[in-house]
Amino acid sequence: MTTYSRILVGVDGSNEAEAAFRRAAKMAASDGAVLGIAFVADIRRIVPLIDYEQTFIHKARSYGEEL
């Protein structure tokens, strides 16, 4: 069985991401690994909306930190 020293898992609030997070947390605990959690917001679709962009970025950052 492979032993990991670092594990990175992405989260986005979906059920699949939650399942991946739980599995990664169990793996990290059993291997004594460092667990990294990543949340990436895709803002390419709202680039034309400059005024709205900062609000969206703030909300996305807050949501990611909450996860």
PDB file of N, CA and C in Angstrom:
ATOM      1  N   MET A   1       0.846  -1.188   0.000  1.00  0.00           N
ATOM      2  CA  MET A   1       0.000   0.000   0.000  1.00  0.00           C
ATOM      3  C   MET A   1       0.883   1.241   0.000  1.00  0.00           C
ATOM      4  N   THR A   2       0.497   2.247  -0.775  1.00  0.00           N
ATOM      5  CA  THR A   2       1.250   3.483  -0.885  1.00  0.00           C
ATOM      6  C   THR A   2       1.043   4.356   0.345  1.00  0.00           C
ATOM      7  N   THR A   3       2.133   4.957   0.824  1.00  0.00           N
ATOM      8  CA  THR A   3       2.051   5.903   1.926  1.00  0.00           C
ATOM      9  C   THR A   3       2.312   7.293   1.366  1.00  0.00           C
ATOM     10  N   TYR A   4       1.451   8.231   1.718  1.00  0.00           N
ATOM     11  CA  TYR A   4       1.563   9.597   1.223  1.00  0.00           C
ATOM     12  C   TYR A   4       2.076  10.516   2.324  1.00  0.00           C
ATOM     13  N   SER A   5       2.877  11.513   1.930  1.00  0.00           N
ATOM     14  CA  SER A   5       3.347  12.499   2.900  1.00  0.00           C
ATOM     15  C   SER A   5       2.575  13.811   2.766  1.00  0.00           C
ATOM     16  N   ARG A   6       2.006  14.052   1.573  1.00  0.00           N
ATOM     17  CA  ARG A   6       1.198  15.249   1.320  1.00  0.00           C
ATOM     18  C   ARG A   6       0.029  14.878   0.430  1.00  0.00           C
ATOM     19  N   ILE A   7      -1.144  15.393   0.768  1.00  0.00           N
ATOM     20  CA  ILE A   7      -2.356  15.129  -0.011  1.00  0.00           C
ATOM     21  C   ILE A   7      -3.044  16.471  -0.254  1.00  0.00           C
ATOM     22  N   LEU A   8      -3.474  16.703  -1.493  1.00  0.00           N
ATOM     23  CA  LEU A   8      -4.197  17.917  -1.851  1.00  0.00           C
ATOM     24  C   LEU A   8      -5.572  17.507  -2.357  1.00  0.00           C
ATOM     25  N   VAL A   9      -6.619  18.115  -1.804  1.00  0.00           N
ATOM     26  CA  VAL A   9      -7.987  17.811  -2.231  1.00  0.00           C
ATOM     27  C   VAL A   9      -8.698  19.121  -2.570  1.00  0.00           C
ATOM     28  N   GLY A  10      -9.445  19.094  -3.648  1.00  0.00           N
ATOM     29  CA  GLY A  10     -10.201  20.265  -4.067  1.00  0.00           C
ATOM     30  C   GLY A  10     -11.626  20.207  -3.529  1.00  0.00           C
ATOM     31  N   VAL A  11     -12.149  21.331  -3.113  1.00  0.00           N
ATOM     32  CA  VAL A  11     -13.523  21.407  -2.611  1.00  0.00           C
ATOM     33  C   VAL A  11     -14.291  22.491  -3.350  1.00  0.00           C
ATOM     34  N   ASP A  12     -15.589  22.230  -3.564  1.00  0.00           N
ATOM     35  CA  ASP A  12     -16.432  23.227  -4.218  1.00  0.00           C
ATOM     36  C   ASP A  12     -17.843  23.239  -3.654  1.00  0.00           C
ATOM     37  N   GLY A  13     -18.068  22.528  -2.568  1.00  0.00           N
ATOM     38  CA  GLY A  13     -19.385  22.496  -1.953  1.00  0.00           C
ATOM     39  C   GLY A  13     -20.273  21.376  -2.456  1.00  0.00           C
ATOM     40  N   SER A  14     -19.833  20.633  -3.475  1.00  0.00           N
ATOM     41  CA  SER A  14     -20.646  19.546  -4.010  1.00  0.00           C
ATOM     42  C   SER A  14     -20.531  18.303  -3.124  1.00  0.00           C
ATOM     43  N   ASN A  15     -21.474  17.387  -3.290  1.00  0.00           N
ATOM     44  CA  ASN A  15     -21.440  16.124  -2.551  1.00  0.00           C
ATOM     45  C   ASN A  15     -20.194  15.318  -2.900  1.00  0.00           C
ATOM     46  N   GLU A  16     -19.812  15.353  -4.166  1.00  0.00           N
ATOM     47  CA  GLU A  16     -18.625  14.616  -4.602  1.00  0.00           C
ATOM     48  C   GLU A  16     -17.362  15.173  -3.952  1.00  0.00           C
ATOM     49  N   ALA A  17     -17.278  16.493  -3.875  1.00  0.00           N
ATOM     50  CA  ALA A  17     -16.113  17.114  -3.251  1.00  0.00           C
ATOM     51  C   ALA A  17     -16.074  16.806  -1.757  1.00  0.00           C
ATOM     52  N   GLU A  18     -17.235  16.764  -1.123  1.00  0.00           N
ATOM     53  CA  GLU A  18     -17.277  16.421   0.303  1.00  0.00           C
ATOM     54  C   GLU A  18     -16.800  14.993   0.522  1.00  0.00           C
ATOM     55  N   ALA A  19     -17.228  14.073  -0.346  1.00  0.00           N
ATOM     56  CA  ALA A  19     -16.782  12.679  -0.243  1.00  0.00           C
ATOM     57  C   ALA A  19     -15.273  12.589  -0.458  1.00  0.00           C
ATOM     58  N   ALA A  20     -14.753  13.342  -1.430  1.00  0.00           N
ATOM     59  CA  ALA A  20     -13.309  13.349  -1.686  1.00  0.00           C
ATOM     60  C   ALA A  20     -12.555  13.908  -0.483  1.00  0.00           C
ATOM     61  N   PHE A  21     -13.092  14.969   0.123  1.00  0.00           N
ATOM     62  CA  PHE A  21     -12.461  15.553   1.298  1.00  0.00           C
ATOM     63  C   PHE A  21     -12.412  14.552   2.448  1.00  0.00           C
ATOM     64  N   ARG A  22     -13.519  13.876   2.703  1.00  0.00           N
ATOM     65  CA  ARG A  22     -13.566  12.900   3.798  1.00  0.00           C
ATOM     66  C   ARG A  22     -12.555  11.771   3.567  1.00  0.00           C
ATOM     67  N   ARG A  23     -12.477  11.287   2.331  1.00  0.00           N
ATOM     68  CA  ARG A  23     -11.521  10.219   2.023  1.00  0.00           C
ATOM     69  C   ARG A  23     -10.088  10.725   2.185  1.00  0.00           C
ATOM     70  N   ALA A  24      -9.806  11.923   1.695  1.00  0.00           N
ATOM     71  CA  ALA A  24      -8.463  12.492   1.817  1.00  0.00           C
ATOM     72  C   ALA A  24      -8.087  12.699   3.283  1.00  0.00           C
ATOM     73  N   ALA A  25      -9.053  13.134   4.096  1.00  0.00           N
ATOM     74  CA  ALA A  25      -8.786  13.339   5.523  1.00  0.00           C
ATOM     75  C   ALA A  25      -8.444  12.021   6.206  1.00  0.00           C
ATOM     76  N   LYS A  26      -9.167  10.957   5.860  1.00  0.00           N
ATOM     77  CA  LYS A  26      -8.877   9.636   6.436  1.00  0.00           C
ATOM     78  C   LYS A  26      -7.495   9.152   6.008  1.00  0.00           C
ATOM     79  N   MET A  27      -7.178   9.333   4.730  1.00  0.00           N
ATOM     80  CA  MET A  27      -5.869   8.917   4.225  1.00  0.00           C
ATOM     81  C   MET A  27      -4.758   9.691   4.918  1.00  0.00           C
ATOM     82  N   ALA A  28      -4.941  11.006   5.056  1.00  0.00           N
ATOM     83  CA  ALA A  28      -3.921  11.838   5.689  1.00  0.00           C
ATOM     84  C   ALA A  28      -3.727  11.420   7.141  1.00  0.00           C
ATOM     85  N   ALA A  29      -4.816  11.138   7.840  1.00  0.00           N
ATOM     86  CA  ALA A  29      -4.714  10.724   9.246  1.00  0.00           C
ATOM     87  C   ALA A  29      -3.995   9.388   9.376  1.00  0.00           C
ATOM     88  N   SER A  30      -4.318   8.455   8.499  1.00  0.00           N
ATOM     89  CA  SER A  30      -3.692   7.130   8.614  1.00  0.00           C
ATOM     90  C   SER A  30      -2.228   7.136   8.193  1.00  0.00           C
ATOM     91  N   ASP A  31      -1.852   8.010   7.270  1.00  0.00           N
ATOM     92  CA  ASP A  31      -0.464   8.076   6.796  1.00  0.00           C
ATOM     93  C   ASP A  31       0.368   9.117   7.539  1.00  0.00           C
ATOM     94  N   GLY A  32      -0.280   9.932   8.375  1.00  0.00           N
ATOM     95  CA  GLY A  32       0.429  11.031   9.030  1.00  0.00           C
ATOM     96  C   GLY A  32       0.833  12.097   8.029  1.00  0.00           C
ATOM     97  N   ALA A  33       0.021  12.270   6.986  1.00  0.00           N
ATOM     98  CA  ALA A  33       0.332  13.201   5.902  1.00  0.00           C
ATOM     99  C   ALA A  33      -0.233  14.589   6.180  1.00  0.00           C
ATOM    100  N   VAL A  34       0.339  15.571   5.507  1.00  0.00           N
ATOM    101  CA  VAL A  34      -0.174  16.942   5.535  1.00  0.00           C
ATOM    102  C   VAL A  34      -1.316  17.003   4.527  1.00  0.00           C
ATOM    103  N   LEU A  35      -2.458  17.556   4.941  1.00  0.00           N
ATOM    104  CA  LEU A  35      -3.617  17.669   4.068  1.00  0.00           C
ATOM    105  C   LEU A  35      -3.793  19.108   3.633  1.00  0.00           C
ATOM    106  N   GLY A  36      -3.750  19.343   2.331  1.00  0.00           N
ATOM    107  CA  GLY A  36      -4.002  20.664   1.764  1.00  0.00           C
ATOM    108  C   GLY A  36      -5.395  20.690   1.167  1.00  0.00           C
ATOM    109  N   ILE A  37      -6.090  21.801   1.334  1.00  0.00           N
ATOM    110  CA  ILE A  37      -7.441  21.949   0.804  1.00  0.00           C
ATOM    111  C   ILE A  37      -7.443  23.134  -0.156  1.00  0.00           C
ATOM    112  N   ALA A  38      -7.946  22.906  -1.367  1.00  0.00           N
ATOM    113  CA  ALA A  38      -7.951  23.963  -2.378  1.00  0.00           C
ATOM    114  C   ALA A  38      -9.368  24.261  -2.842  1.00  0.00           C
ATOM    115  N   PHE A  39      -9.652  25.543  -2.999  1.00  0.00           N
ATOM    116  CA  PHE A  39     -10.907  26.012  -3.577  1.00  0.00           C
ATOM    117  C   PHE A  39     -10.537  27.046  -4.624  1.00  0.00           C
ATOM    118  N   VAL A  40     -10.954  26.824  -5.867  1.00  0.00           N
ATOM    119  CA  VAL A  40     -10.629  27.738  -6.956  1.00  0.00           C
ATOM    120  C   VAL A  40     -11.926  28.253  -7.556  1.00  0.00           C
ATOM    121  N   ALA A  41     -12.054  29.550  -7.646  1.00  0.00           N
ATOM    122  CA  ALA A  41     -13.233  30.171  -8.255  1.00  0.00           C
ATOM    123  C   ALA A  41     -12.900  30.575  -9.684  1.00  0.00           C
ATOM    124  N   ASP A  42     -13.728  30.159 -10.625  1.00  0.00           N
ATOM    125  CA  ASP A  42     -13.553  30.520 -12.026  1.00  0.00           C
ATOM    126  C   ASP A  42     -14.306  31.822 -12.289  1.00  0.00           C
ATOM    127  N   ILE A  43     -13.568  32.915 -12.448  1.00  0.00           N
ATOM    128  CA  ILE A  43     -14.204  34.227 -12.646  1.00  0.00           C
ATOM    129  C   ILE A  43     -14.138  34.693 -14.100  1.00  0.00           C
ATOM    130  N   ARG A  44     -13.719  33.827 -15.008  1.00  0.00           N
ATOM    131  CA  ARG A  44     -13.578  34.243 -16.408  1.00  0.00           C
ATOM    132  C   ARG A  44     -14.886  34.704 -17.029  1.00  0.00           C
ATOM    133  N   ARG A  45     -15.989  34.130 -16.606  1.00  0.00           N
ATOM    134  CA  ARG A  45     -17.275  34.488 -17.206  1.00  0.00           C
ATOM    135  C   ARG A  45     -17.759  35.865 -16.795  1.00  0.00           C
ATOM    136  N   ILE A  46     -17.248  36.387 -15.697  1.00  0.00           N
ATOM    137  CA  ILE A  46     -17.757  37.687 -15.233  1.00  0.00           C
ATOM    138  C   ILE A  46     -16.763  38.828 -15.438  1.00  0.00           C
ATOM    139  N   VAL A  47     -15.671  38.566 -16.134  1.00  0.00           N
ATOM    140  CA  VAL A  47     -14.672  39.614 -16.352  1.00  0.00           C
ATOM    141  C   VAL A  47     -15.281  40.881 -16.948  1.00  0.00           C
ATOM    142  N   PRO A  48     -16.234  40.792 -17.885  1.00  0.00           N
ATOM    143  CA  PRO A  48     -16.824  42.032 -18.413  1.00  0.00           C
ATOM    144  C   PRO A  48     -17.609  42.827 -17.371  1.00  0.00           C
ATOM    145  N   LEU A  49     -17.967  42.217 -16.287  1.00  0.00           N
ATOM    146  CA  LEU A  49     -18.763  42.881 -15.257  1.00  0.00           C
ATOM    147  C   LEU A  49     -17.851  43.403 -14.156  1.00  0.00           C
ATOM    148  N   ILE A  50     -17.056  44.390 -14.474  1.00  0.00           N
ATOM    149  CA  ILE A  50     -16.019  44.903 -13.572  1.00  0.00           C
ATOM    150  C   ILE A  50     -16.566  45.289 -12.200  1.00  0.00           C
ATOM    151  N   ASP A  51     -17.688  46.002 -12.142  1.00  0.00           N
ATOM    152  CA  ASP A  51     -18.240  46.434 -10.857  1.00  0.00           C
ATOM    153  C   ASP A  51     -18.650  45.249  -9.991  1.00  0.00           C
ATOM    154  N   TYR A  52     -19.159  44.214 -10.630  1.00  0.00           N
ATOM    155  CA  TYR A  52     -19.627  43.036  -9.897  1.00  0.00           C
ATOM    156  C   TYR A  52     -18.475  42.124  -9.483  1.00  0.00           C
ATOM    157  N   GLU A  53     -17.371  42.221 -10.201  1.00  0.00           N
ATOM    158  CA  GLU A  53     -16.250  41.299 -10.014  1.00  0.00           C
ATOM    159  C   GLU A  53     -15.722  41.277  -8.583  1.00  0.00           C
ATOM    160  N   GLN A  54     -15.476  42.412  -7.991  1.00  0.00           N
ATOM    161  CA  GLN A  54     -14.914  42.452  -6.641  1.00  0.00           C
ATOM    162  C   GLN A  54     -15.867  41.828  -5.623  1.00  0.00           C
ATOM    163  N   THR A  55     -17.165  42.061  -5.788  1.00  0.00           N
ATOM    164  CA  THR A  55     -18.152  41.453  -4.894  1.00  0.00           C
ATOM    165  C   THR A  55     -18.117  39.943  -5.051  1.00  0.00           C
ATOM    166  N   PHE A  56     -18.064  39.460  -6.290  1.00  0.00           N
ATOM    167  CA  PHE A  56     -18.027  38.020  -6.548  1.00  0.00           C
ATOM    168  C   PHE A  56     -16.770  37.399  -5.963  1.00  0.00           C
ATOM    169  N   ILE A  57     -15.633  38.055  -6.168  1.00  0.00           N
ATOM    170  CA  ILE A  57     -14.372  37.529  -5.643  1.00  0.00           C
ATOM    171  C   ILE A  57     -14.442  37.445  -4.122  1.00  0.00           C
ATOM    172  N   HIS A  58     -14.971  38.463  -3.476  1.00  0.00           N
ATOM    173  CA  HIS A  58     -15.098  38.459  -2.019  1.00  0.00           C
ATOM    174  C   HIS A  58     -16.008  37.313  -1.563  1.00  0.00           C
ATOM    175  N   LYS A  59     -17.158  37.146  -2.234  1.00  0.00           N
ATOM    176  CA  LYS A  59     -18.080  36.077  -1.874  1.00  0.00           C
ATOM    177  C   LYS A  59     -17.458  34.707  -2.122  1.00  0.00           C
ATOM    178  N   ALA A  60     -16.743  34.552  -3.226  1.00  0.00           N
ATOM    179  CA  ALA A  60     -16.087  33.276  -3.532  1.00  0.00           C
ATOM    180  C   ALA A  60     -15.008  32.957  -2.497  1.00  0.00           C
ATOM    181  N   ARG A  61     -14.240  33.947  -2.125  1.00  0.00           N
ATOM    182  CA  ARG A  61     -13.196  33.744  -1.114  1.00  0.00           C
ATOM    183  C   ARG A  61     -13.811  33.359   0.233  1.00  0.00           C
ATOM    184  N   SER A  62     -14.868  34.045   0.627  1.00  0.00           N
ATOM    185  CA  SER A  62     -15.550  33.738   1.881  1.00  0.00           C
ATOM    186  C   SER A  62     -16.126  32.326   1.865  1.00  0.00           C
ATOM    187  N   TYR A  63     -16.727  31.959   0.726  1.00  0.00           N
ATOM    188  CA  TYR A  63     -17.301  30.622   0.585  1.00  0.00           C
ATOM    189  C   TYR A  63     -16.209  29.560   0.682  1.00  0.00           C
ATOM    190  N   GLY A  64     -15.100  29.782  -0.004  1.00  0.00           N
ATOM    191  CA  GLY A  64     -13.983  28.846   0.041  1.00  0.00           C
ATOM    192  C   GLY A  64     -13.408  28.698   1.431  1.00  0.00           C
ATOM    193  N   GLU A  65     -13.269  29.808   2.157  1.00  0.00           N
ATOM    194  CA  GLU A  65     -12.748  29.749   3.522  1.00  0.00           C
ATOM    195  C   GLU A  65     -13.721  29.023   4.445  1.00  0.00           C
ATOM    196  N   GLU A  66     -15.021  29.218   4.216  1.00  0.00           N
ATOM    197  CA  GLU A  66     -16.022  28.544   5.028  1.00  0.00           C
ATOM    198  C   GLU A  66     -15.977  27.039   4.816  1.00  0.00           C
ATOM    199  N   LEU A  67     -15.772  26.614   3.541  1.00  0.00           N
ATOM    200  CA  LEU A  67     -15.682  25.191   3.261  1.00  0.00           C
ATOM    201  C   LEU A  67     -14.518  24.578   4.006  1.00  0.00           C
TER     202      LEU A  67
END
